[in-house]
C-alpha cells in the first residue's frame, strides 16, 4: 500500500503513533538519557549604540515587590488581575527588573544607578550589578561617574560595600541636591513608613561620597550628550536623563514608571513608594506625552530586561513596545 503524507494528520494520531513506538521499544536509548542540570544563566548585560555612544545595560536582578494590589493600592483589583493575566504574569508576586545603564562617552565610563547592593528586603534575586558589570568587561574602578535618578534603595545602595569600602573608588556621584538633602537628612530617620529605612541606607551609601558629589540641575548637561530633566513625584528630586548622540535620542526614565503593563495603560495610578503620588502621576503623563510626541525611545529601569522600548498613544492612554535585542 502506498503511504500517503497528509499535512492534516491530527495531533491525536501523532501522539498515538509516538506512544506505540515507545511501547514497542523502538526509541533509541540515548533519547531517554538526562543531562545533569547546570544552573545559572547567561550574564545579565546587553550592549547597544546611541549614535556614537556605546551603551550597556547591566542587570542588578529582580525585585520581589509582593502583591501588585499592595503596590497600587488605589487601583481596581479587577483591573490589575485582568492586565496581569493578559500579560501572562502573576499579580503576586509582582517582579521588577533593575536595569542599570552604562555609557562609554567622552572618554568616561558613566554608570546610571547602582542597584540595591546586598540588601535582601525585596528578595534574593537582586544585588547582581557588580558581578554583571565585570561580566560585561567593565571593572568598578574604571567607572568615572555614577549618575543617580534618585536615592531609593534599589538605585543607590550599590555604592558602598558591606565593609564600608567604596564600590566605585574613582567615581564622582551626580544627584539632585533636593534628593540628596532629603534622603540624607538625619531628621527623616524618624519619618513615617519606609522612609527611615530608606534614609538610613541612603546615608550609608551617599555620605562616604560627599567630597566627590556633583549636583545636577533641570535642563543642564551633566556631561556632553546627557541632559537632566526634573521629574519629581516618585521622590522630591527625582531626575530623568535625555541621552543624545549622532541623531539618536533615548530617555532614561528612572522610576517615573515602574510596571510596563500597568502604568502605560493607567498612567494615573498611584504607586505605594511615591513620595507625592499625585505629582508622580502628573509627571508621568507629561513625560509620556513628550516621549510619544517626539518618538523618543525609553530606557526603563524596571522594564523587562534589557528595558529598551518605544511608547505610543493608544486612545486616552499609552502602550509600551519593546525594542528587540540585536545580536552582534
Protein backbone atom coordinates (compact mmCIF):
# COMPACT_ATOMS: atom_id res chain seq x y z
CA UNK A 1 0.00 0.00 0.00
CA UNK A 2 1.28 3.43 -0.90
CA UNK A 3 1.89 5.61 2.15
CA UNK A 4 0.27 8.99 1.80
CA UNK A 5 1.55 12.10 3.59
CA UNK A 6 -1.14 14.46 4.77
CA UNK A 7 -0.50 17.89 6.32
CA UNK A 8 -3.80 17.40 8.14
CA UNK A 9 -2.65 14.40 10.14
CA UNK A 10 -4.19 15.04 13.54
CA UNK A 11 -2.23 15.72 16.71
CA UNK A 12 -4.06 12.75 18.27
CA UNK A 13 -2.71 10.41 15.55
CA UNK A 14 0.80 11.69 16.14
CA UNK A 15 0.52 11.16 19.89
CA UNK A 16 -0.85 7.65 19.41
CA UNK A 17 1.93 6.81 16.98
CA UNK A 18 4.52 8.11 19.42
CA UNK A 19 3.05 6.04 22.24
CA UNK A 20 3.11 2.93 20.08
CA UNK A 21 6.73 3.49 19.19
CA UNK A 22 7.67 3.80 22.86
CA UNK A 23 5.67 0.73 23.75
CA UNK A 24 7.43 -1.21 21.01
CA UNK A 25 10.82 -0.32 22.36
CA UNK A 26 11.85 1.40 19.15
CA UNK A 27 13.02 4.63 20.79
CA UNK A 28 16.81 4.83 20.93
CA UNK A 29 18.06 4.54 24.47
CA UNK A 30 20.13 7.70 24.16
CA UNK A 31 16.96 9.77 23.71
CA UNK A 32 15.93 8.88 27.25
CA UNK A 33 19.19 9.98 28.82
CA UNK A 34 19.09 13.04 31.09
CA UNK A 35 21.89 15.58 31.37
CA UNK A 36 22.53 16.94 34.87
CA UNK A 37 21.12 20.46 35.40
CA UNK A 38 23.79 23.11 35.10
CA UNK A 39 22.04 26.01 36.84
CA UNK A 40 22.57 29.68 36.23
CA UNK A 41 22.09 31.64 33.02
CA UNK A 42 23.97 33.99 30.72
CA UNK A 43 25.47 37.16 32.26
CA UNK A 44 22.89 39.92 32.61
CA UNK A 45 24.22 42.57 30.24
CA UNK A 46 23.32 43.89 26.80
CA UNK A 47 25.29 46.29 24.62
CA UNK A 48 23.83 48.66 22.02
CA UNK A 49 24.51 52.02 20.43
CA UNK A 50 23.10 55.51 20.89
CA UNK A 51 24.65 57.37 17.97
CA UNK A 52 28.37 57.45 18.73
CA UNK A 53 27.87 56.35 22.33
CA UNK A 54 28.45 52.75 23.35
CA UNK A 55 25.73 51.84 25.86
CA UNK A 56 25.43 48.75 28.04
CA UNK A 57 22.52 47.62 30.20
CA UNK A 58 23.69 45.88 33.38
CA UNK A 59 21.08 43.88 35.29
CA UNK A 60 21.04 44.07 39.06
CA UNK A 61 18.48 41.27 39.07
CA UNK A 62 14.83 41.09 40.10
CA UNK A 63 12.95 42.78 42.92
CA UNK A 64 10.07 40.94 44.57
CA UNK A 65 7.53 43.63 45.48
CA UNK A 66 4.86 41.25 46.70
CA UNK A 67 1.28 41.85 45.63
CA UNK A 68 0.57 44.33 42.85
CA UNK A 69 -2.60 45.19 44.74
CA UNK A 70 -0.50 46.44 47.64
CA UNK A 71 1.81 48.45 45.38
CA UNK A 72 -1.09 50.13 43.56
CA UNK A 73 -3.50 50.49 46.50
CA UNK A 74 -5.99 52.81 44.78
CA UNK A 75 -6.24 50.81 41.57
CA UNK A 76 -9.24 48.49 40.96
CA UNK A 77 -8.09 44.99 41.82
CA UNK A 78 -10.13 43.53 38.95
CA UNK A 79 -8.21 45.73 36.50
CA UNK A 80 -4.88 44.66 37.96
CA UNK A 81 -5.88 40.99 37.73
CA UNK A 82 -7.07 41.40 34.12
CA UNK A 83 -3.97 43.20 32.90
CA UNK A 84 -1.54 40.83 34.57
CA UNK A 85 -3.41 37.83 33.21
CA UNK A 86 -3.34 39.29 29.70
CA UNK A 87 0.43 39.65 30.07
CA UNK A 88 0.73 36.08 31.45
CA UNK A 89 2.19 37.47 34.68
CA UNK A 90 1.30 36.84 38.31
CA UNK A 91 -0.13 39.74 40.30
CA UNK A 92 1.55 38.23 43.36
CA UNK A 93 4.47 38.35 43.43
CA UNK A 94 4.99 41.33 41.16
CA UNK A 95 8.60 41.15 39.98
CA UNK A 96 10.51 44.14 38.66
CA UNK A 97 13.83 44.13 36.84
CA UNK A 98 16.64 46.59 37.63
CA UNK A 99 18.39 47.85 34.51
CA UNK A 100 21.49 49.90 35.27
CA UNK A 101 22.81 51.81 32.26
CA UNK A 102 26.49 52.31 31.45
CA UNK A 103 27.68 54.80 28.82
CA UNK A 104 31.13 54.93 27.28
CA UNK A 105 31.04 58.62 26.47
CA UNK A 106 33.58 61.45 26.10
CA UNK A 107 36.39 59.18 27.35
CA UNK A 108 34.42 58.48 30.52
CA UNK A 109 32.64 55.40 31.85
CA UNK A 110 29.31 56.54 33.26
CA UNK A 111 27.00 54.32 35.33
CA UNK A 112 23.37 55.32 35.86
CA UNK A 113 22.12 53.99 39.22
CA UNK A 114 23.93 51.34 41.20
CA UNK A 115 21.34 48.75 42.17
CA UNK A 116 20.36 47.58 45.65
CA UNK A 117 23.67 46.20 46.89
CA UNK A 118 23.49 43.21 49.23
CA UNK A 119 20.16 44.09 50.86
CA UNK A 120 17.54 41.33 50.52
CA UNK A 121 14.44 43.19 51.67
CA UNK A 122 12.95 42.57 48.23
CA UNK A 123 14.22 39.03 47.79
CA UNK A 124 17.45 37.26 46.93
CA UNK A 125 17.28 37.67 43.14
CA UNK A 126 18.84 41.15 43.20
CA UNK A 127 22.26 42.59 44.04
CA UNK A 128 23.97 41.30 40.89
CA UNK A 129 25.12 44.57 39.34
CA UNK A 130 28.83 44.34 40.23
CA UNK A 131 29.04 40.75 39.03
CA UNK A 132 27.30 41.55 35.75
CA UNK A 133 29.32 44.74 35.29
CA UNK A 134 32.50 42.69 35.35
CA UNK A 135 30.94 40.07 33.07
CA UNK A 136 30.39 42.90 30.57
CA UNK A 137 34.11 43.71 30.72
CA UNK A 138 33.89 46.75 32.99
CA UNK A 139 35.74 46.94 36.29
CA UNK A 140 34.23 49.09 39.09
CA UNK A 141 37.47 51.06 39.31
CA UNK A 142 37.01 52.13 35.68
CA UNK A 143 33.74 53.93 36.45
CA UNK A 144 34.33 57.68 36.35
CA UNK A 145 30.79 58.84 37.15
CA UNK A 146 27.73 57.39 38.85
CA UNK A 147 24.62 59.34 37.83
CA UNK A 148 21.61 58.75 40.08
CA UNK A 149 17.98 59.19 39.11
CA UNK A 150 17.13 59.28 42.83
CA UNK A 151 18.20 57.94 46.20
CA UNK A 152 15.89 54.98 46.82
CA UNK A 153 17.40 51.69 47.94
CA UNK A 154 17.38 49.95 44.56
CA UNK A 155 19.17 52.87 42.91
CA UNK A 156 21.95 53.93 45.29
CA UNK A 157 22.57 51.12 47.77
CA UNK A 158 25.17 49.55 45.48
CA UNK A 159 27.60 52.43 46.02
CA UNK A 160 29.21 51.11 49.20
CA UNK A 161 30.20 47.55 50.15
CA UNK A 162 29.14 45.92 53.40
CA UNK A 163 32.57 46.60 54.89
CA UNK A 164 32.30 50.32 54.11
CA UNK A 165 34.61 50.29 51.09
CA UNK A 166 33.60 52.36 48.08
CA UNK A 167 32.49 50.13 45.24
CA UNK A 168 33.44 52.89 42.77
CA UNK A 169 36.57 54.41 44.31
CA UNK A 170 37.32 56.71 41.36
CA UNK A 171 33.81 57.94 40.64
CA UNK A 172 32.04 61.26 41.07
CA UNK A 173 28.39 60.82 42.14
CA UNK A 174 25.81 63.02 40.40
CA UNK A 175 22.41 63.55 42.04
CA UNK A 176 19.87 66.34 42.50
CA UNK A 177 20.52 68.38 45.62
CA UNK A 178 16.85 68.06 46.60
CA UNK A 179 17.07 64.27 46.69
CA UNK A 180 20.46 64.25 48.40
CA UNK A 181 19.29 66.63 51.11
CA UNK A 182 16.04 64.76 51.73
CA UNK A 183 17.39 61.21 51.84
CA UNK A 184 20.43 62.04 53.95
CA UNK A 185 18.58 64.27 56.43
CA UNK A 186 19.03 62.75 59.88
CA UNK A 187 15.64 64.20 60.91
CA UNK A 188 13.95 61.87 58.43
CA UNK A 189 15.20 58.84 60.36
CA UNK A 190 12.03 59.27 62.42
CA UNK A 191 9.73 59.71 59.41
CA UNK A 192 6.69 57.57 58.56
CA UNK A 193 6.53 54.17 56.87
CA UNK A 194 9.52 53.02 54.88
CA UNK A 195 11.24 56.43 54.95
CA UNK A 196 13.55 55.84 57.99
CA UNK A 197 14.82 52.57 56.48
CA UNK A 198 15.48 54.21 53.10
CA UNK A 199 17.13 57.24 54.73
CA UNK A 200 19.48 55.06 56.81
CA UNK A 201 20.58 53.20 53.68
CA UNK A 202 20.96 56.38 51.65
CA UNK A 203 23.15 57.93 54.37
CA UNK A 204 25.34 54.84 54.43
CA UNK A 205 25.81 54.91 50.64
CA UNK A 206 25.84 58.62 49.82
CA UNK A 207 27.68 60.29 52.68
CA UNK A 208 31.00 58.48 52.01
CA UNK A 209 30.98 60.19 48.59
CA UNK A 210 30.20 63.67 49.92
CA UNK A 211 33.63 65.00 48.89
CA UNK A 212 33.03 63.89 45.31
CA UNK A 213 29.39 64.93 44.77
CA UNK A 214 28.12 66.92 41.83
CA UNK A 215 24.56 68.26 41.92
CA UNK A 216 22.58 68.07 38.68
CA UNK A 217 20.09 70.74 37.60
CA UNK A 218 16.99 70.67 35.44
CA UNK A 219 17.76 71.29 31.78
CA UNK A 220 21.52 71.29 32.28
CA UNK A 221 24.05 68.92 30.74
CA UNK A 222 25.56 66.52 33.25
CA UNK A 223 28.22 65.74 30.65
CA UNK A 224 28.29 66.04 26.86
CA UNK A 225 25.21 64.32 25.44
CA UNK A 226 23.46 63.79 28.80
CA UNK A 227 20.86 66.33 29.96
CA UNK A 228 18.98 66.22 33.26
CA UNK A 229 15.19 66.62 33.35
CA UNK A 230 13.42 67.27 36.64
CA UNK A 231 10.73 64.59 37.08
CA UNK A 232 9.57 64.91 40.71
CA UNK A 233 6.90 62.91 42.49
CA UNK A 234 8.37 59.48 42.99
CA UNK A 235 10.92 61.28 45.14
CA UNK A 236 11.17 65.03 45.77
CA UNK A 237 14.19 65.42 43.50
CA UNK A 238 13.81 62.58 41.00
CA UNK A 239 15.71 63.18 37.74
CA UNK A 240 15.37 61.56 34.32
CA UNK A 241 18.03 61.90 31.65
CA UNK A 242 17.95 62.57 27.90
CA UNK A 243 20.89 60.92 26.13
CA UNK A 244 21.61 62.21 22.63
CA UNK A 245 24.31 61.44 20.08
CA UNK A 246 24.60 61.19 16.31
CA UNK A 247 20.96 62.00 15.67
CA UNK A 248 19.68 59.38 18.15
CA UNK A 249 18.00 60.19 21.44
CA UNK A 250 16.98 57.94 24.34
CA UNK A 251 15.12 58.86 27.53
CA UNK A 252 16.35 57.19 30.72
CA UNK A 253 13.17 57.41 32.82
CA UNK A 254 14.31 56.01 36.17
CA UNK A 255 11.25 55.44 38.36
CA UNK A 256 8.81 57.75 36.61
CA UNK A 257 7.19 54.48 35.53
CA UNK A 258 7.57 51.10 37.19
CA UNK A 259 5.48 48.30 35.72
CA UNK A 260 5.27 48.40 31.92
CA UNK A 261 1.91 46.60 31.71
CA UNK A 262 0.08 48.52 34.43
CA UNK A 263 1.24 52.11 34.19
CA UNK A 264 1.25 52.70 30.45
CA UNK A 265 -2.39 51.68 30.28
CA UNK A 266 -3.14 53.51 33.54
CA UNK A 267 -0.63 56.36 33.93
CA UNK A 268 -2.73 57.99 36.65
CA UNK A 269 -2.46 55.06 39.06
CA UNK A 270 -0.63 55.79 42.28
CA UNK A 271 2.36 53.74 43.36
CA UNK A 272 2.96 52.91 47.02
CA UNK A 273 6.58 54.12 47.12
CA UNK A 274 5.87 57.54 45.57
CA UNK A 275 6.66 60.48 47.86
CA UNK A 276 3.89 62.51 46.23
CA UNK A 277 1.64 60.13 44.24
CA UNK A 278 -0.39 62.92 42.66
CA UNK A 279 2.69 64.74 41.43
CA UNK A 280 4.23 61.45 40.26
CA UNK A 281 1.16 60.73 38.10
CA UNK A 282 1.24 64.25 36.66
CA UNK A 283 4.95 63.92 35.86
CA UNK A 284 4.36 60.52 34.27
CA UNK A 285 1.72 61.90 31.91
CA UNK A 286 3.95 64.80 30.88
CA UNK A 287 6.90 62.50 30.22
CA UNK A 288 4.77 60.01 28.29
CA UNK A 289 3.39 62.82 26.16
CA UNK A 290 6.88 64.12 25.40
CA UNK A 291 8.31 60.70 24.55
CA UNK A 292 5.33 59.76 22.37
CA UNK A 293 5.25 63.12 20.57
CA UNK A 294 8.98 63.08 19.85
CA UNK A 295 9.11 59.31 19.18
CA UNK A 296 11.83 59.07 21.79
CA UNK A 297 12.75 55.52 22.88
CA UNK A 298 12.82 54.82 26.60
CA UNK A 299 15.26 53.06 28.88
CA UNK A 300 13.15 51.75 31.75
CA UNK A 301 14.92 50.83 34.96
CA UNK A 302 12.17 48.41 35.95
CA UNK A 303 11.05 47.23 32.50
CA UNK A 304 11.74 43.64 31.38
CA UNK A 305 15.44 43.23 30.57
CA UNK A 306 17.10 44.99 28.81
CA UNK A 307 14.46 47.69 29.33
CA UNK A 308 14.51 49.34 25.90
CA UNK A 309 11.24 50.28 24.24
CA UNK A 310 9.08 52.79 22.45
CA UNK A 311 5.86 54.38 23.61
CA UNK A 312 2.79 55.19 21.52
CA UNK A 313 -0.55 56.74 22.28
CA UNK A 314 -3.41 54.29 22.49
CA UNK A 315 -6.74 56.04 22.99
CA UNK A 316 -6.59 58.04 26.19
CA UNK A 317 -3.63 56.01 27.45
CA UNK A 318 -0.34 54.66 26.12
CA UNK A 319 1.24 51.41 25.06
CA UNK A 320 4.80 50.16 25.52
CA UNK A 321 6.52 48.44 22.58
CA UNK A 322 9.78 46.65 23.45
CA UNK A 323 12.75 47.15 21.13
CA UNK A 324 14.09 43.75 20.03
CA UNK A 325 17.63 42.94 21.05
CA UNK A 326 20.19 42.90 18.24
CA UNK A 327 22.79 40.14 18.36
CA UNK A 328 26.27 41.07 17.24
